[in-house]
Amino acid sequence: MIRQPMEVGAVWFHYEPESTVTSHAGVTATTFQGTTSVITARGQYQLEGTRWHLLAKVFSNMASYKADLQSEILIQEVFDNNPKHRSFSWQVLRRAMNIFGAKTYIGETSLTTPHFFLYARRGAKVTWGMLDESHMIVNWSGLDSLEQANIIPTLLSTDNRIVLTHPLSPDKTITPPFSAVAQKILYTKGNANR
């Protein structure tokens, strides 16, 4: 409060941040300053507000929305506990997308898939968009072994893909299929993941 305002006039603004109830399809959620807190049976999770609104559009079936969200959370928890799992930084993914004109991203859950891709899927499951013939970026470690096996036919039938993986070693059970003309375009010793 201004105790002695100047004679020329003064304006005082008082702003109290408010949270907005953004619950959807039986899932309780509130958004406060761009962060959404989602309350599930397994506890509270925080997402970017834009991610929450994207999920409300992606999981369009209201009857299964809660189950779909819970399934994605469980898969994400498994990924988070796997030391070999990598989520590549958005800077790396956006650069690869722009350089190669990729529109499709394969790998990750809908909770972490970058929203700037037009199409996204994990294994055989389409997260959003549709399948097309455009260039695709595959996060190999963002898929479990069954999902990796599911996309091998797609990878073998096309040459318009970029596969992101950590260095391959003999202990890998399934390695990405590389054709004879495949080239390594980038090897980084730095931190390319989030």
N, C-alpha and C. Protein backbone atom coordinates (compact mmCIF):
# COMPACT_ATOMS: atom_id res chain seq x y z
N MET A 1 0.85 -1.17 0.00
CA MET A 1 0.00 0.00 0.00
C MET A 1 0.90 1.24 0.00
N ILE A 2 0.49 2.25 -0.69
CA ILE A 2 1.25 3.49 -0.74
C ILE A 2 0.66 4.43 0.31
N ARG A 3 1.47 4.76 1.31
CA ARG A 3 0.96 5.59 2.42
C ARG A 3 0.80 7.05 2.03
N GLN A 4 1.75 7.60 1.32
CA GLN A 4 1.66 9.01 0.90
C GLN A 4 1.86 9.07 -0.61
N PRO A 5 0.79 8.89 -1.36
CA PRO A 5 0.93 8.91 -2.81
C PRO A 5 1.36 10.30 -3.31
N MET A 6 2.08 10.30 -4.41
CA MET A 6 2.51 11.56 -4.99
C MET A 6 1.28 12.32 -5.47
N GLU A 7 1.38 13.62 -5.55
CA GLU A 7 0.23 14.43 -5.92
C GLU A 7 -0.15 14.26 -7.40
N VAL A 8 0.76 13.77 -8.21
CA VAL A 8 0.46 13.60 -9.63
C VAL A 8 -0.38 12.35 -9.89
N GLY A 9 -0.53 11.54 -8.91
CA GLY A 9 -1.34 10.34 -9.06
C GLY A 9 -0.51 9.08 -8.94
N ALA A 10 -1.11 8.09 -8.42
CA ALA A 10 -0.43 6.81 -8.25
C ALA A 10 -1.45 5.70 -8.41
N VAL A 11 -0.99 4.57 -8.93
CA VAL A 11 -1.85 3.40 -9.08
C VAL A 11 -1.18 2.26 -8.34
N TRP A 12 -1.97 1.54 -7.59
CA TRP A 12 -1.45 0.41 -6.84
C TRP A 12 -2.11 -0.85 -7.35
N PHE A 13 -1.29 -1.82 -7.74
CA PHE A 13 -1.79 -3.09 -8.22
C PHE A 13 -1.52 -4.14 -7.16
N HIS A 14 -2.53 -4.89 -6.87
CA HIS A 14 -2.37 -6.00 -5.93
C HIS A 14 -2.74 -7.27 -6.68
N TYR A 15 -1.79 -8.16 -6.80
CA TYR A 15 -2.01 -9.39 -7.55
C TYR A 15 -1.78 -10.58 -6.65
N GLU A 16 -2.78 -11.41 -6.53
CA GLU A 16 -2.63 -12.65 -5.78
C GLU A 16 -2.79 -13.79 -6.78
N PRO A 17 -1.76 -14.59 -6.95
CA PRO A 17 -1.88 -15.69 -7.90
C PRO A 17 -2.97 -16.67 -7.46
N GLU A 18 -3.69 -17.15 -8.44
CA GLU A 18 -4.77 -18.08 -8.16
C GLU A 18 -4.53 -19.37 -8.92
N SER A 19 -5.01 -20.44 -8.33
CA SER A 19 -4.95 -21.70 -9.05
C SER A 19 -6.29 -21.91 -9.74
N THR A 20 -6.24 -22.58 -10.86
CA THR A 20 -7.43 -22.85 -11.64
C THR A 20 -7.70 -24.34 -11.63
N VAL A 21 -8.93 -24.71 -11.37
CA VAL A 21 -9.30 -26.12 -11.41
C VAL A 21 -9.36 -26.54 -12.87
N THR A 22 -8.52 -27.50 -13.24
CA THR A 22 -8.46 -27.97 -14.62
C THR A 22 -8.73 -29.47 -14.69
N SER A 23 -9.58 -29.95 -13.80
CA SER A 23 -9.92 -31.38 -13.77
C SER A 23 -10.54 -31.77 -15.11
N HIS A 24 -10.31 -33.03 -15.47
CA HIS A 24 -10.80 -33.51 -16.76
C HIS A 24 -11.13 -34.99 -16.65
N ALA A 25 -12.30 -35.36 -17.10
CA ALA A 25 -12.73 -36.76 -17.21
C ALA A 25 -12.51 -37.55 -15.92
N GLY A 26 -12.83 -36.95 -14.80
CA GLY A 26 -12.74 -37.66 -13.53
C GLY A 26 -11.37 -37.64 -12.89
N VAL A 27 -10.41 -36.96 -13.50
CA VAL A 27 -9.07 -36.83 -12.93
C VAL A 27 -8.97 -35.43 -12.33
N THR A 28 -8.67 -35.37 -11.04
CA THR A 28 -8.58 -34.09 -10.35
C THR A 28 -7.26 -33.42 -10.67
N ALA A 29 -7.34 -32.14 -11.07
CA ALA A 29 -6.12 -31.40 -11.41
C ALA A 29 -6.35 -29.92 -11.16
N THR A 30 -5.29 -29.25 -10.75
CA THR A 30 -5.31 -27.79 -10.63
C THR A 30 -4.05 -27.25 -11.29
N THR A 31 -4.19 -26.10 -11.92
CA THR A 31 -3.07 -25.46 -12.59
C THR A 31 -2.75 -24.16 -11.87
N PHE A 32 -1.47 -23.99 -11.53
CA PHE A 32 -1.02 -22.80 -10.83
C PHE A 32 0.28 -22.35 -11.45
N GLN A 33 0.30 -21.15 -11.99
CA GLN A 33 1.47 -20.56 -12.63
C GLN A 33 2.14 -21.50 -13.64
N GLY A 34 1.33 -22.08 -14.51
CA GLY A 34 1.85 -22.90 -15.59
C GLY A 34 2.18 -24.34 -15.24
N THR A 35 1.98 -24.73 -13.98
CA THR A 35 2.25 -26.11 -13.58
C THR A 35 0.95 -26.74 -13.12
N THR A 36 0.66 -27.92 -13.65
CA THR A 36 -0.56 -28.63 -13.29
C THR A 36 -0.22 -29.75 -12.31
N SER A 37 -0.96 -29.80 -11.24
CA SER A 37 -0.84 -30.89 -10.26
C SER A 37 -1.99 -31.84 -10.50
N VAL A 38 -1.66 -33.08 -10.81
CA VAL A 38 -2.65 -34.10 -11.10
C VAL A 38 -2.68 -35.06 -9.93
N ILE A 39 -3.84 -35.33 -9.41
CA ILE A 39 -3.98 -36.23 -8.26
C ILE A 39 -4.54 -37.55 -8.76
N THR A 40 -3.77 -38.62 -8.55
CA THR A 40 -4.20 -39.95 -8.96
C THR A 40 -4.19 -40.86 -7.74
N ALA A 41 -4.62 -42.09 -7.95
CA ALA A 41 -4.62 -43.06 -6.85
C ALA A 41 -3.21 -43.37 -6.38
N ARG A 42 -2.21 -43.18 -7.24
CA ARG A 42 -0.81 -43.45 -6.88
C ARG A 42 -0.12 -42.24 -6.28
N GLY A 43 -0.81 -41.12 -6.20
CA GLY A 43 -0.22 -39.92 -5.62
C GLY A 43 -0.36 -38.72 -6.54
N GLN A 44 0.33 -37.66 -6.20
CA GLN A 44 0.25 -36.41 -6.96
C GLN A 44 1.43 -36.31 -7.93
N TYR A 45 1.13 -35.87 -9.15
CA TYR A 45 2.15 -35.68 -10.17
C TYR A 45 2.04 -34.26 -10.69
N GLN A 46 3.18 -33.70 -11.08
CA GLN A 46 3.17 -32.36 -11.64
C GLN A 46 3.60 -32.41 -13.10
N LEU A 47 2.86 -31.69 -13.92
CA LEU A 47 3.13 -31.59 -15.34
C LEU A 47 3.12 -30.13 -15.75
N GLU A 48 3.71 -29.85 -16.89
CA GLU A 48 3.55 -28.50 -17.45
C GLU A 48 2.07 -28.33 -17.78
N GLY A 49 1.56 -27.14 -17.58
CA GLY A 49 0.16 -26.89 -17.87
C GLY A 49 -0.20 -27.19 -19.31
N THR A 50 0.71 -26.85 -20.24
CA THR A 50 0.44 -27.12 -21.64
C THR A 50 0.40 -28.61 -21.92
N ARG A 51 1.23 -29.39 -21.23
CA ARG A 51 1.22 -30.84 -21.42
C ARG A 51 -0.13 -31.42 -20.97
N TRP A 52 -0.64 -30.93 -19.84
CA TRP A 52 -1.93 -31.41 -19.34
C TRP A 52 -3.04 -31.13 -20.35
N HIS A 53 -3.04 -29.95 -20.92
CA HIS A 53 -4.08 -29.62 -21.90
C HIS A 53 -3.91 -30.44 -23.18
N LEU A 54 -2.66 -30.74 -23.56
CA LEU A 54 -2.42 -31.61 -24.71
C LEU A 54 -2.97 -33.00 -24.45
N LEU A 55 -2.73 -33.53 -23.26
CA LEU A 55 -3.23 -34.87 -22.93
C LEU A 55 -4.76 -34.92 -22.95
N ALA A 56 -5.39 -33.83 -22.56
CA ALA A 56 -6.86 -33.78 -22.60
C ALA A 56 -7.36 -33.92 -24.02
N LYS A 57 -6.57 -33.49 -24.99
CA LYS A 57 -6.95 -33.63 -26.40
C LYS A 57 -6.52 -34.99 -26.96
N VAL A 58 -5.34 -35.47 -26.54
CA VAL A 58 -4.79 -36.72 -27.07
C VAL A 58 -5.64 -37.91 -26.65
N PHE A 59 -5.95 -38.00 -25.36
CA PHE A 59 -6.79 -39.08 -24.87
C PHE A 59 -8.24 -38.63 -24.98
N SER A 60 -8.78 -38.69 -26.18
CA SER A 60 -10.09 -38.10 -26.44
C SER A 60 -11.26 -38.94 -25.94
N ASN A 61 -11.03 -40.20 -25.63
CA ASN A 61 -12.11 -41.05 -25.14
C ASN A 61 -12.31 -40.78 -23.65
N MET A 62 -13.38 -40.08 -23.33
CA MET A 62 -13.64 -39.68 -21.94
C MET A 62 -13.78 -40.88 -21.02
N ALA A 63 -14.32 -41.99 -21.53
CA ALA A 63 -14.56 -43.16 -20.69
C ALA A 63 -13.25 -43.80 -20.23
N SER A 64 -12.22 -43.76 -21.08
CA SER A 64 -10.96 -44.42 -20.72
C SER A 64 -9.84 -43.44 -20.38
N TYR A 65 -10.16 -42.16 -20.27
CA TYR A 65 -9.14 -41.13 -20.03
C TYR A 65 -8.33 -41.43 -18.77
N LYS A 66 -9.02 -41.72 -17.69
CA LYS A 66 -8.34 -41.96 -16.41
C LYS A 66 -7.43 -43.18 -16.51
N ALA A 67 -7.92 -44.25 -17.14
CA ALA A 67 -7.11 -45.47 -17.30
C ALA A 67 -5.92 -45.22 -18.23
N ASP A 68 -6.13 -44.46 -19.31
CA ASP A 68 -5.03 -44.15 -20.23
C ASP A 68 -3.95 -43.34 -19.52
N LEU A 69 -4.35 -42.35 -18.74
CA LEU A 69 -3.40 -41.52 -18.01
C LEU A 69 -2.63 -42.37 -16.99
N GLN A 70 -3.35 -43.23 -16.27
CA GLN A 70 -2.71 -44.09 -15.27
C GLN A 70 -1.71 -45.03 -15.94
N SER A 71 -2.06 -45.57 -17.09
CA SER A 71 -1.15 -46.46 -17.83
C SER A 71 0.12 -45.72 -18.24
N GLU A 72 -0.01 -44.49 -18.73
CA GLU A 72 1.16 -43.70 -19.12
C GLU A 72 2.05 -43.38 -17.92
N ILE A 73 1.43 -43.10 -16.78
CA ILE A 73 2.20 -42.82 -15.56
C ILE A 73 2.99 -44.05 -15.13
N LEU A 74 2.36 -45.23 -15.17
CA LEU A 74 3.06 -46.47 -14.79
C LEU A 74 4.24 -46.75 -15.72
N ILE A 75 4.04 -46.57 -17.02
CA ILE A 75 5.13 -46.79 -17.98
C ILE A 75 6.25 -45.78 -17.73
N GLN A 76 5.90 -44.52 -17.47
CA GLN A 76 6.91 -43.50 -17.22
C GLN A 76 7.71 -43.82 -15.97
N GLU A 77 7.04 -44.35 -14.93
CA GLU A 77 7.76 -44.72 -13.71
C GLU A 77 8.77 -45.84 -13.98
N VAL A 78 8.41 -46.79 -14.82
CA VAL A 78 9.34 -47.86 -15.19
C VAL A 78 10.54 -47.27 -15.92
N PHE A 79 10.27 -46.36 -16.88
CA PHE A 79 11.37 -45.70 -17.60
C PHE A 79 12.26 -44.92 -16.65
N ASP A 80 11.65 -44.19 -15.73
CA ASP A 80 12.42 -43.36 -14.79
C ASP A 80 13.33 -44.20 -13.90
N ASN A 81 12.94 -45.45 -13.63
CA ASN A 81 13.75 -46.32 -12.78
C ASN A 81 14.76 -47.16 -13.55
N ASN A 82 14.74 -47.07 -14.88
CA ASN A 82 15.66 -47.83 -15.73
C ASN A 82 16.89 -46.97 -16.02
N PRO A 83 18.06 -47.36 -15.52
CA PRO A 83 19.26 -46.54 -15.75
C PRO A 83 19.69 -46.46 -17.21
N LYS A 84 19.22 -47.38 -18.07
CA LYS A 84 19.61 -47.35 -19.48
C LYS A 84 18.64 -46.52 -20.33
N HIS A 85 17.56 -46.05 -19.72
CA HIS A 85 16.60 -45.23 -20.46
C HIS A 85 17.15 -43.83 -20.67
N ARG A 86 16.95 -43.28 -21.85
CA ARG A 86 17.39 -41.93 -22.16
C ARG A 86 16.24 -41.13 -22.75
N SER A 87 16.05 -39.94 -22.25
CA SER A 87 15.15 -38.96 -22.86
C SER A 87 16.04 -37.87 -23.42
N PHE A 88 16.10 -37.78 -24.71
CA PHE A 88 16.99 -36.80 -25.33
C PHE A 88 16.43 -35.39 -25.15
N SER A 89 17.33 -34.44 -25.03
CA SER A 89 16.91 -33.06 -24.79
C SER A 89 16.09 -32.55 -25.97
N TRP A 90 15.20 -31.62 -25.68
CA TRP A 90 14.37 -31.06 -26.73
C TRP A 90 15.21 -30.30 -27.74
N GLN A 91 16.34 -29.75 -27.32
CA GLN A 91 17.20 -29.04 -28.27
C GLN A 91 17.73 -30.01 -29.33
N VAL A 92 18.16 -31.19 -28.90
CA VAL A 92 18.66 -32.20 -29.84
C VAL A 92 17.54 -32.66 -30.76
N LEU A 93 16.37 -32.94 -30.18
CA LEU A 93 15.24 -33.43 -30.97
C LEU A 93 14.73 -32.38 -31.96
N ARG A 94 14.64 -31.13 -31.50
CA ARG A 94 14.16 -30.07 -32.39
C ARG A 94 15.15 -29.84 -33.54
N ARG A 95 16.44 -29.90 -33.24
CA ARG A 95 17.46 -29.72 -34.28
C ARG A 95 17.36 -30.85 -35.30
N ALA A 96 17.26 -32.08 -34.84
CA ALA A 96 17.13 -33.23 -35.76
C ALA A 96 15.85 -33.10 -36.58
N MET A 97 14.77 -32.68 -35.95
CA MET A 97 13.51 -32.50 -36.65
C MET A 97 13.65 -31.46 -37.75
N ASN A 98 14.26 -30.34 -37.44
CA ASN A 98 14.39 -29.25 -38.42
C ASN A 98 15.35 -29.59 -39.55
N ILE A 99 16.46 -30.22 -39.24
CA ILE A 99 17.46 -30.55 -40.27
C ILE A 99 16.93 -31.58 -41.24
N PHE A 100 16.26 -32.61 -40.72
CA PHE A 100 15.83 -33.72 -41.57
C PHE A 100 14.35 -33.66 -41.94
N GLY A 101 13.64 -32.67 -41.48
CA GLY A 101 12.22 -32.55 -41.83
C GLY A 101 11.36 -33.64 -41.21
N ALA A 102 11.77 -34.14 -40.07
CA ALA A 102 11.01 -35.22 -39.41
C ALA A 102 9.73 -34.67 -38.81
N LYS A 103 8.65 -35.42 -38.97
CA LYS A 103 7.37 -35.04 -38.39
C LYS A 103 6.92 -36.03 -37.32
N THR A 104 7.51 -37.23 -37.31
CA THR A 104 7.08 -38.30 -36.42
C THR A 104 8.14 -38.60 -35.38
N TYR A 105 7.71 -38.79 -34.14
CA TYR A 105 8.61 -39.18 -33.05
C TYR A 105 8.12 -40.51 -32.49
N ILE A 106 9.04 -41.46 -32.37
CA ILE A 106 8.70 -42.78 -31.84
C ILE A 106 9.53 -43.00 -30.59
N GLY A 107 8.87 -43.32 -29.51
CA GLY A 107 9.54 -43.54 -28.24
C GLY A 107 8.96 -42.63 -27.18
N GLU A 108 9.19 -42.92 -25.92
CA GLU A 108 8.71 -42.12 -24.80
C GLU A 108 7.22 -42.35 -24.53
N THR A 109 6.77 -41.79 -23.43
CA THR A 109 5.35 -41.81 -23.10
C THR A 109 4.74 -40.48 -23.52
N SER A 110 3.45 -40.40 -23.46
CA SER A 110 2.79 -39.14 -23.82
C SER A 110 3.10 -38.05 -22.79
N LEU A 111 3.62 -38.45 -21.63
CA LEU A 111 3.97 -37.48 -20.60
C LEU A 111 5.27 -36.75 -20.92
N THR A 112 6.12 -37.35 -21.76
CA THR A 112 7.42 -36.74 -22.05
C THR A 112 7.69 -36.52 -23.54
N THR A 113 6.84 -37.01 -24.42
CA THR A 113 7.05 -36.81 -25.85
C THR A 113 6.98 -35.32 -26.17
N PRO A 114 7.95 -34.80 -26.90
CA PRO A 114 7.92 -33.37 -27.25
C PRO A 114 6.67 -33.03 -28.05
N HIS A 115 6.01 -31.98 -27.66
CA HIS A 115 4.75 -31.59 -28.28
C HIS A 115 4.91 -30.98 -29.67
N PHE A 116 6.13 -30.69 -30.10
CA PHE A 116 6.32 -30.02 -31.39
C PHE A 116 6.34 -30.99 -32.56
N PHE A 117 6.26 -32.31 -32.31
CA PHE A 117 6.14 -33.27 -33.40
C PHE A 117 4.67 -33.39 -33.79
N LEU A 118 4.41 -33.47 -35.10
CA LEU A 118 3.02 -33.60 -35.56
C LEU A 118 2.44 -34.96 -35.22
N TYR A 119 3.29 -35.99 -35.25
CA TYR A 119 2.82 -37.34 -35.01
C TYR A 119 3.73 -37.99 -33.96
N ALA A 120 3.13 -38.76 -33.08
CA ALA A 120 3.91 -39.44 -32.04
C ALA A 120 3.34 -40.82 -31.80
N ARG A 121 4.25 -41.75 -31.54
CA ARG A 121 3.82 -43.12 -31.20
C ARG A 121 4.88 -43.78 -30.35
N ARG A 122 4.49 -44.86 -29.72
CA ARG A 122 5.41 -45.67 -28.93
C ARG A 122 5.13 -47.11 -29.33
N GLY A 123 6.09 -47.73 -30.01
CA GLY A 123 5.86 -49.07 -30.53
C GLY A 123 4.76 -49.02 -31.58
N ALA A 124 3.76 -49.87 -31.44
CA ALA A 124 2.65 -49.90 -32.39
C ALA A 124 1.53 -48.95 -31.99
N LYS A 125 1.60 -48.37 -30.79
CA LYS A 125 0.52 -47.50 -30.28
C LYS A 125 0.73 -46.06 -30.73
N VAL A 126 -0.25 -45.52 -31.43
CA VAL A 126 -0.20 -44.13 -31.86
C VAL A 126 -0.62 -43.26 -30.68
N THR A 127 0.23 -42.29 -30.33
CA THR A 127 -0.08 -41.39 -29.22
C THR A 127 -0.92 -40.24 -29.73
N TRP A 128 -0.48 -39.58 -30.81
CA TRP A 128 -1.31 -38.58 -31.48
C TRP A 128 -0.90 -38.50 -32.93
N GLY A 129 -1.79 -37.94 -33.73
CA GLY A 129 -1.54 -37.83 -35.16
C GLY A 129 -1.86 -39.14 -35.85
N MET A 130 -1.18 -39.37 -36.95
CA MET A 130 -1.39 -40.59 -37.73
C MET A 130 -0.05 -41.07 -38.26
N LEU A 131 -0.04 -42.24 -38.81
CA LEU A 131 1.19 -42.74 -39.41
C LEU A 131 1.29 -42.21 -40.83
N ASP A 132 2.45 -41.73 -41.19
CA ASP A 132 2.65 -41.24 -42.55
C ASP A 132 4.04 -41.63 -43.02
N GLU A 133 4.39 -41.18 -44.20
CA GLU A 133 5.67 -41.57 -44.80
C GLU A 133 6.77 -40.55 -44.56
N SER A 134 6.55 -39.59 -43.68
CA SER A 134 7.56 -38.56 -43.43
C SER A 134 8.73 -39.14 -42.64
N HIS A 135 9.81 -38.37 -42.57
CA HIS A 135 10.96 -38.79 -41.78
C HIS A 135 10.54 -38.95 -40.32
N MET A 136 11.17 -39.90 -39.66
CA MET A 136 10.84 -40.16 -38.26
C MET A 136 12.11 -40.18 -37.42
N ILE A 137 11.94 -39.80 -36.17
CA ILE A 137 13.02 -39.88 -35.19
C ILE A 137 12.60 -40.93 -34.18
N VAL A 138 13.50 -41.88 -33.94
CA VAL A 138 13.22 -42.99 -33.03
C VAL A 138 14.16 -42.90 -31.83
N ASN A 139 13.59 -42.82 -30.65
CA ASN A 139 14.38 -42.92 -29.42
C ASN A 139 14.35 -44.39 -29.02
N TRP A 140 15.40 -45.11 -29.38
CA TRP A 140 15.43 -46.56 -29.19
C TRP A 140 15.31 -46.93 -27.71
N SER A 141 15.96 -46.19 -26.83
CA SER A 141 15.90 -46.56 -25.41
C SER A 141 14.59 -46.11 -24.77
N GLY A 142 13.75 -45.36 -25.50
CA GLY A 142 12.44 -44.96 -24.99
C GLY A 142 11.38 -46.00 -25.27
N LEU A 143 11.81 -47.16 -25.75
CA LEU A 143 10.90 -48.26 -26.06
C LEU A 143 11.32 -49.48 -25.26
N ASP A 144 10.35 -50.26 -24.79
CA ASP A 144 10.72 -51.53 -24.15
C ASP A 144 10.97 -52.55 -25.25
N SER A 145 11.42 -53.75 -24.88
CA SER A 145 11.83 -54.74 -25.89
C SER A 145 10.68 -55.16 -26.80
N LEU A 146 9.46 -55.26 -26.28
CA LEU A 146 8.31 -55.61 -27.12
C LEU A 146 8.01 -54.49 -28.12
N GLU A 147 8.06 -53.24 -27.66
CA GLU A 147 7.82 -52.11 -28.55
C GLU A 147 8.91 -52.00 -29.61
N GLN A 148 10.15 -52.30 -29.23
CA GLN A 148 11.25 -52.30 -30.20
C GLN A 148 10.98 -53.35 -31.27
N ALA A 149 10.57 -54.54 -30.84
CA ALA A 149 10.27 -55.61 -31.80
C ALA A 149 9.11 -55.20 -32.72
N ASN A 150 8.12 -54.48 -32.18
CA ASN A 150 6.97 -54.06 -32.98
C ASN A 150 7.34 -53.09 -34.09
N ILE A 151 8.34 -52.24 -33.86
CA ILE A 151 8.65 -51.24 -34.90
C ILE A 151 9.76 -51.67 -35.86
N ILE A 152 10.40 -52.80 -35.60
CA ILE A 152 11.47 -53.26 -36.50
C ILE A 152 10.97 -53.41 -37.94
N PRO A 153 9.77 -53.99 -38.20
CA PRO A 153 9.32 -54.05 -39.60
C PRO A 153 9.20 -52.66 -40.24
N THR A 154 8.73 -51.68 -39.49
CA THR A 154 8.62 -50.32 -40.01
C THR A 154 10.00 -49.77 -40.33
N LEU A 155 10.95 -49.99 -39.44
CA LEU A 155 12.30 -49.48 -39.66
C LEU A 155 12.99 -50.16 -40.83
N LEU A 156 12.72 -51.46 -41.01
CA LEU A 156 13.33 -52.18 -42.12
C LEU A 156 12.74 -51.78 -43.47
N SER A 157 11.48 -51.34 -43.46
CA SER A 157 10.82 -51.02 -44.73
C SER A 157 11.04 -49.57 -45.17
N THR A 158 11.69 -48.77 -44.36
CA THR A 158 11.91 -47.37 -44.73
C THR A 158 13.39 -47.00 -44.56
N ASP A 159 13.77 -45.93 -45.23
CA ASP A 159 15.12 -45.41 -45.04
C ASP A 159 15.07 -43.95 -44.59
N ASN A 160 13.91 -43.53 -44.14
CA ASN A 160 13.72 -42.14 -43.74
C ASN A 160 13.63 -42.00 -42.22
N ARG A 161 14.62 -42.51 -41.54
CA ARG A 161 14.56 -42.51 -40.08
C ARG A 161 15.89 -42.08 -39.48
N ILE A 162 15.79 -41.55 -38.30
CA ILE A 162 16.96 -41.22 -37.49
C ILE A 162 16.77 -41.99 -36.20
N VAL A 163 17.72 -42.82 -35.84
CA VAL A 163 17.62 -43.61 -34.62
C VAL A 163 18.59 -43.04 -33.60
N LEU A 164 18.05 -42.60 -32.48
CA LEU A 164 18.87 -42.08 -31.39
C LEU A 164 19.03 -43.18 -30.35
N THR A 165 20.26 -43.48 -30.03
CA THR A 165 20.53 -44.54 -29.07
C THR A 165 21.85 -44.23 -28.38
N HIS A 166 22.04 -44.78 -27.20
CA HIS A 166 23.36 -44.65 -26.60
C HIS A 166 24.24 -45.69 -27.26
N PRO A 167 25.55 -45.60 -27.11
CA PRO A 167 26.44 -46.51 -27.83
C PRO A 167 26.04 -47.97 -27.66
N LEU A 168 25.98 -48.66 -28.79
CA LEU A 168 25.55 -50.06 -28.77
C LEU A 168 26.69 -50.95 -28.30
N SER A 169 26.33 -51.96 -27.55
CA SER A 169 27.34 -52.89 -27.05
C SER A 169 26.84 -54.31 -27.26
N PRO A 170 27.71 -55.31 -27.12
CA PRO A 170 27.31 -56.69 -27.38
C PRO A 170 26.22 -57.21 -26.44
N ASP A 171 26.04 -56.59 -25.27
CA ASP A 171 25.05 -57.11 -24.33
C ASP A 171 23.62 -56.70 -24.67
N LYS A 172 23.41 -55.93 -25.72
CA LYS A 172 22.07 -55.54 -26.15
C LYS A 172 21.35 -56.77 -26.68
N THR A 173 20.12 -56.96 -26.27
CA THR A 173 19.35 -58.09 -26.78
C THR A 173 18.76 -57.78 -28.15
N ILE A 174 18.24 -56.57 -28.30
CA ILE A 174 17.71 -56.15 -29.60
C ILE A 174 18.39 -54.83 -29.95
N THR A 175 19.01 -54.79 -31.10
CA THR A 175 19.63 -53.55 -31.54
C THR A 175 18.81 -53.00 -32.69
N PRO A 176 18.83 -51.70 -32.89
CA PRO A 176 18.05 -51.14 -34.00
C PRO A 176 18.56 -51.69 -35.32
N PRO A 177 17.66 -51.97 -36.26
CA PRO A 177 18.11 -52.47 -37.55
C PRO A 177 18.71 -51.35 -38.38
N PHE A 178 19.95 -51.53 -38.78
CA PHE A 178 20.62 -50.55 -39.62
C PHE A 178 20.87 -51.18 -40.97
N SER A 179 20.58 -50.43 -42.02
CA SER A 179 20.86 -50.96 -43.36
C SER A 179 22.33 -50.77 -43.67
N ALA A 180 22.77 -51.33 -44.78
CA ALA A 180 24.19 -51.26 -45.17
C ALA A 180 24.62 -49.82 -45.46
N VAL A 181 23.67 -48.96 -45.81
CA VAL A 181 24.02 -47.59 -46.16
C VAL A 181 23.83 -46.62 -44.99
N ALA A 182 23.52 -47.15 -43.82
CA ALA A 182 23.31 -46.28 -42.65
C ALA A 182 24.62 -45.60 -42.27
N GLN A 183 24.49 -44.39 -41.79
CA GLN A 183 25.67 -43.62 -41.39
C GLN A 183 25.48 -43.08 -39.99
N LYS A 184 26.57 -43.04 -39.25
CA LYS A 184 26.54 -42.38 -37.96
C LYS A 184 26.73 -40.90 -38.24
N ILE A 185 25.75 -40.08 -37.82
CA ILE A 185 25.85 -38.66 -38.13
C ILE A 185 26.27 -37.83 -36.93
N LEU A 186 26.18 -38.39 -35.74
CA LEU A 186 26.55 -37.62 -34.57
C LEU A 186 26.96 -38.57 -33.45
N TYR A 187 28.04 -38.23 -32.83
CA TYR A 187 28.45 -38.94 -31.63
C TYR A 187 28.84 -37.87 -30.64
N THR A 188 28.23 -37.90 -29.48
CA THR A 188 28.51 -36.85 -28.51
C THR A 188 29.08 -37.43 -27.23
N LYS A 189 30.04 -36.75 -26.68
CA LYS A 189 30.58 -37.15 -25.39
C LYS A 189 29.94 -36.35 -24.26
N GLY A 190 29.17 -35.33 -24.65
CA GLY A 190 28.51 -34.48 -23.67
C GLY A 190 27.18 -35.09 -23.24
N ASN A 191 26.36 -34.27 -22.63
CA ASN A 191 25.07 -34.70 -22.14
C ASN A 191 23.99 -34.26 -23.13
N ALA A 192 23.48 -35.19 -23.93
CA ALA A 192 22.46 -34.88 -24.92
C ALA A 192 21.08 -35.26 -24.42
N ASN A 193 21.00 -35.74 -23.19
CA ASN A 193 19.71 -36.14 -22.67
C ASN A 193 19.32 -35.24 -21.50
N ARG A 194 18.03 -35.34 -21.12
CA ARG A 194 17.55 -34.48 -20.04
C ARG A 194 17.70 -35.19 -18.72
